[in-house]
Amino acid sequence: MDNNKQNLTTDELSTIPLDHNWYQKLAVNFEIIQRYLDKIDADDLKNKFDDMSEQLNVCETNTQAIVNILSNYDVPIQIVNGKVVDTEEGK
């Protein structure tokens, strides 16, 4: 969207006959929203996501290792669509 054409909807509020109290409430709402936006740190979120992804990979690797060990002892299980399932003997 072209910056010249971007107008805030709130810019149109000045033409509406609203009392001063309403404008104060609106300003407070924006202040509340701004506090939460300030808390959002993209780098921190990325680090948390990377940590969770790494933990998930470790869990998947461990699950696969356990299934492989049990399969070596003829336990009828395997991983299907990311889930450990019982298999019938001989399959």
C-alpha atoms as a PDB file:
ATOM      1  CA  MET A   1       0.000   0.000   0.000  1.00  0.00           C
ATOM      2  CA  ASP A   2       1.325   3.448  -0.914  1.00  0.00           C
ATOM      3  CA  ASN A   3       2.355   5.440   2.174  1.00  0.00           C
ATOM      4  CA  ASN A   4       0.511   8.501   0.894  1.00  0.00           C
ATOM      5  CA  LYS A   5      -2.709   6.531   0.803  1.00  0.00           C
ATOM      6  CA  GLN A   6      -2.338   5.017   4.272  1.00  0.00           C
ATOM      7  CA  ASN A   7      -4.638   6.824   6.651  1.00  0.00           C
ATOM      8  CA  LEU A   8      -5.477   5.616  10.088  1.00  0.00           C
ATOM      9  CA  THR A   9      -9.135   5.027  10.682  1.00  0.00           C
ATOM     10  CA  THR A  10      -8.711   6.966  13.895  1.00  0.00           C
ATOM     11  CA  ASP A  11      -7.910  10.062  11.816  1.00  0.00           C
ATOM     12  CA  GLU A  12     -11.565  10.111  10.818  1.00  0.00           C
ATOM     13  CA  LEU A  13     -12.708  10.153  14.454  1.00  0.00           C
ATOM     14  CA  SER A  14     -12.155  13.886  14.715  1.00  0.00           C
ATOM     15  CA  THR A  15     -15.169  14.425  12.466  1.00  0.00           C
ATOM     16  CA  ILE A  16     -17.424  12.371  14.736  1.00  0.00           C
ATOM     17  CA  PRO A  17     -18.986  14.237  17.663  1.00  0.00           C
ATOM     18  CA  LEU A  18     -17.604  12.157  20.553  1.00  0.00           C
ATOM     19  CA  ASP A  19     -16.961  13.393  24.060  1.00  0.00           C
ATOM     20  CA  HIS A  20     -13.475  13.920  25.497  1.00  0.00           C
ATOM     21  CA  ASN A  21     -13.869  10.904  27.812  1.00  0.00           C
ATOM     22  CA  TRP A  22     -14.200   8.611  24.802  1.00  0.00           C
ATOM     23  CA  TYR A  23     -10.955   9.944  23.309  1.00  0.00           C
ATOM     24  CA  GLN A  24      -9.178   9.403  26.641  1.00  0.00           C
ATOM     25  CA  LYS A  25     -10.355   5.786  26.735  1.00  0.00           C
ATOM     26  CA  LEU A  26      -9.134   5.293  23.175  1.00  0.00           C
ATOM     27  CA  ALA A  27      -5.731   6.743  24.064  1.00  0.00           C
ATOM     28  CA  VAL A  28      -5.475   4.449  27.094  1.00  0.00           C
ATOM     29  CA  ASN A  29      -6.292   1.466  24.876  1.00  0.00           C
ATOM     30  CA  PHE A  30      -3.433   2.391  22.561  1.00  0.00           C
ATOM     31  CA  GLU A  31      -1.097   2.785  25.541  1.00  0.00           C
ATOM     32  CA  ILE A  32      -2.016  -0.696  26.775  1.00  0.00           C
ATOM     33  CA  ILE A  33      -1.459  -2.180  23.328  1.00  0.00           C
ATOM     34  CA  GLN A  34       1.861  -0.360  22.992  1.00  0.00           C
ATOM     35  CA  ARG A  35       3.143  -1.808  26.291  1.00  0.00           C
ATOM     36  CA  TYR A  36       2.533  -5.332  25.005  1.00  0.00           C
ATOM     37  CA  LEU A  37       4.047  -4.557  21.615  1.00  0.00           C
ATOM     38  CA  ASP A  38       7.144  -3.219  23.361  1.00  0.00           C
ATOM     39  CA  LYS A  39       7.509  -6.522  25.225  1.00  0.00           C
ATOM     40  CA  ILE A  40       7.623  -8.477  21.981  1.00  0.00           C
ATOM     41  CA  ASP A  41      11.219  -9.050  21.068  1.00  0.00           C
ATOM     42  CA  ALA A  42      11.586 -10.785  17.711  1.00  0.00           C
ATOM     43  CA  ASP A  43      15.095 -12.042  18.500  1.00  0.00           C
ATOM     44  CA  ASP A  44      13.934 -13.517  21.797  1.00  0.00           C
ATOM     45  CA  LEU A  45      11.008 -15.239  20.083  1.00  0.00           C
ATOM     46  CA  LYS A  46      13.327 -16.634  17.408  1.00  0.00           C
ATOM     47  CA  ASN A  47      15.703 -17.977  20.066  1.00  0.00           C
ATOM     48  CA  LYS A  48      12.823 -19.630  21.923  1.00  0.00           C
ATOM     49  CA  PHE A  49      11.531 -21.146  18.682  1.00  0.00           C
ATOM     50  CA  ASP A  50      15.007 -22.444  17.799  1.00  0.00           C
ATOM     51  CA  ASP A  51      15.356 -23.977  21.282  1.00  0.00           C
ATOM     52  CA  MET A  52      11.969 -25.692  21.006  1.00  0.00           C
ATOM     53  CA  SER A  53      12.819 -26.979  17.520  1.00  0.00           C
ATOM     54  CA  GLU A  54      16.093 -28.403  18.809  1.00  0.00           C
ATOM     55  CA  GLN A  55      14.321 -30.093  21.730  1.00  0.00           C
ATOM     56  CA  LEU A  56      11.759 -31.555  19.340  1.00  0.00           C
ATOM     57  CA  ASN A  57      14.515 -32.948  17.124  1.00  0.00           C
ATOM     58  CA  VAL A  58      16.170 -34.550  20.164  1.00  0.00           C
ATOM     59  CA  CYS A  59      12.848 -36.129  21.194  1.00  0.00           C
ATOM     60  CA  GLU A  60      12.279 -37.484  17.685  1.00  0.00           C
ATOM     61  CA  THR A  61      15.802 -38.909  17.586  1.00  0.00           C
ATOM     62  CA  ASN A  62      15.372 -40.522  21.010  1.00  0.00           C
ATOM     63  CA  THR A  63      12.010 -42.011  20.037  1.00  0.00           C
ATOM     64  CA  GLN A  64      13.491 -43.458  16.855  1.00  0.00           C
ATOM     65  CA  ALA A  65      16.402 -44.927  18.835  1.00  0.00           C
ATOM     66  CA  ILE A  66      14.027 -46.562  21.332  1.00  0.00           C
ATOM     67  CA  VAL A  67      11.908 -48.024  18.532  1.00  0.00           C
ATOM     68  CA  ASN A  68      15.038 -49.355  16.824  1.00  0.00           C
ATOM     69  CA  ILE A  69      16.264 -50.986  20.046  1.00  0.00           C
ATOM     70  CA  LEU A  70      12.877 -52.585  20.716  1.00  0.00           C
ATOM     71  CA  SER A  71      12.638 -53.759  17.109  1.00  0.00           C
ATOM     72  CA  ASN A  72      16.002 -55.495  17.532  1.00  0.00           C
ATOM     73  CA  TYR A  73      14.382 -57.491  20.352  1.00  0.00           C
ATOM     74  CA  ASP A  74      11.448 -58.435  18.119  1.00  0.00           C
ATOM     75  CA  VAL A  75       8.984 -56.059  19.775  1.00  0.00           C
ATOM     76  CA  PRO A  76       6.355 -55.473  17.072  1.00  0.00           C
ATOM     77  CA  ILE A  77       6.382 -51.660  16.882  1.00  0.00           C
ATOM     78  CA  GLN A  78       7.295 -49.092  14.297  1.00  0.00           C
ATOM     79  CA  ILE A  79       6.888 -45.391  13.614  1.00  0.00           C
ATOM     80  CA  VAL A  80       4.073 -44.535  11.214  1.00  0.00           C
ATOM     81  CA  ASN A  81       3.285 -40.904  10.400  1.00  0.00           C
ATOM     82  CA  GLY A  82       5.361 -39.759  13.358  1.00  0.00           C
ATOM     83  CA  LYS A  83       3.584 -42.050  15.843  1.00  0.00           C
ATOM     84  CA  VAL A  84       4.762 -45.243  17.500  1.00  0.00           C
ATOM     85  CA  VAL A  85       2.296 -48.014  16.649  1.00  0.00           C
ATOM     86  CA  ASP A  86       1.960 -51.714  17.388  1.00  0.00           C
ATOM     87  CA  THR A  87       2.432 -53.962  14.409  1.00  0.00           C
ATOM     88  CA  GLU A  88       1.266 -57.508  14.116  1.00  0.00           C
ATOM     89  CA  GLU A  89       3.885 -60.220  14.357  1.00  0.00           C
ATOM     90  CA  GLY A  90       5.386 -61.071  11.009  1.00  0.00           C
ATOM     91  CA  LYS A  91       4.715 -57.738   9.283  1.00  0.00           C
END
